[in-house]
Amino acid sequence: MAKYLVCGRIGSGKTGKPFEKTVEAISEKLARETAYSLFGSNAGIKRSAIKIESVDKL
C-alpha cells in the first residue's frame, strides 16, 4: 500500500481549520475515504463538514 498526504479544511469557508493527514491506501480514492472515516470515527465530524483540497502520493 502507498502513503498519501490528504490536505483540506474542517468547517465552512475560509474560517475552516486546515488539516494534513497521512494515510495508507491502495488508491487516491481510498485515501479520501480513509480520511473521511478517520475524522468521522475519531472526532465525530460529518463528511459534509470536511473539504478535501488535495491528495498527493508520498
Protein backbone atom coordinates (compact mmCIF):
# COMPACT_ATOMS: atom_id res chain seq x y z
CA MET A 1 0.00 0.00 0.00
CA ALA A 2 1.14 3.51 -0.76
CA LYS A 3 1.15 6.51 1.56
CA TYR A 4 -0.89 9.58 0.68
CA LEU A 5 -0.95 13.09 2.14
CA VAL A 6 -4.55 14.33 2.39
CA CYS A 7 -4.91 18.11 2.84
CA GLY A 8 -8.01 20.21 3.34
CA ARG A 9 -10.22 22.11 5.80
CA ILE A 10 -12.67 21.15 8.50
CA GLY A 11 -15.57 23.58 8.78
CA SER A 12 -17.04 26.06 6.36
CA GLY A 13 -15.42 28.71 4.20
CA LYS A 14 -12.13 30.40 4.98
CA THR A 15 -12.73 30.05 8.72
CA GLY A 16 -12.34 26.27 8.49
CA LYS A 17 -9.43 24.71 10.33
CA PRO A 18 -6.76 23.37 7.92
CA PHE A 19 -5.53 19.80 8.27
CA GLU A 20 -2.94 17.43 6.83
CA LYS A 21 -3.30 13.70 7.34
CA THR A 22 -1.01 10.90 6.15
CA VAL A 23 -2.87 7.68 5.36
CA GLU A 24 -2.01 4.33 3.78
CA ALA A 25 -4.27 3.23 0.94
CA ILE A 26 -4.28 1.34 -2.34
CA SER A 27 -5.54 4.30 -4.40
CA GLU A 28 -6.21 8.04 -4.17
CA LYS A 29 -9.95 7.39 -3.92
CA LEU A 30 -9.48 5.06 -0.95
CA ALA A 31 -7.14 7.60 0.68
CA ARG A 32 -10.00 10.14 0.58
CA GLU A 33 -12.43 7.62 2.07
CA THR A 34 -9.94 6.72 4.80
CA ALA A 35 -9.54 10.39 5.75
CA TYR A 36 -13.32 10.86 5.95
CA SER A 37 -13.60 7.70 8.03
CA LEU A 38 -10.84 8.69 10.47
CA PHE A 39 -12.27 12.16 11.11
CA GLY A 40 -15.76 10.74 11.49
CA SER A 41 -14.84 7.99 13.93
CA ASN A 42 -12.25 9.87 15.99
CA ALA A 43 -13.79 13.34 16.17
CA GLY A 44 -17.42 12.79 15.19
CA ILE A 45 -17.15 15.14 12.20
CA LYS A 46 -19.65 14.65 9.37
CA ARG A 47 -18.42 14.24 5.80
CA SER A 48 -20.23 17.41 4.73
CA ALA A 49 -18.04 19.44 7.13
CA ILE A 50 -14.79 18.10 5.63
CA LYS A 51 -13.42 19.74 2.47
CA ILE A 52 -10.54 17.75 0.95
CA GLU A 53 -8.46 20.04 -1.24
CA SER A 54 -5.68 17.70 -2.38
CA VAL A 55 -4.42 14.12 -2.18
CA ASP A 56 -0.73 13.60 -3.00
CA LYS A 57 1.19 10.33 -3.17
CA LEU A 58 4.29 10.31 -0.99
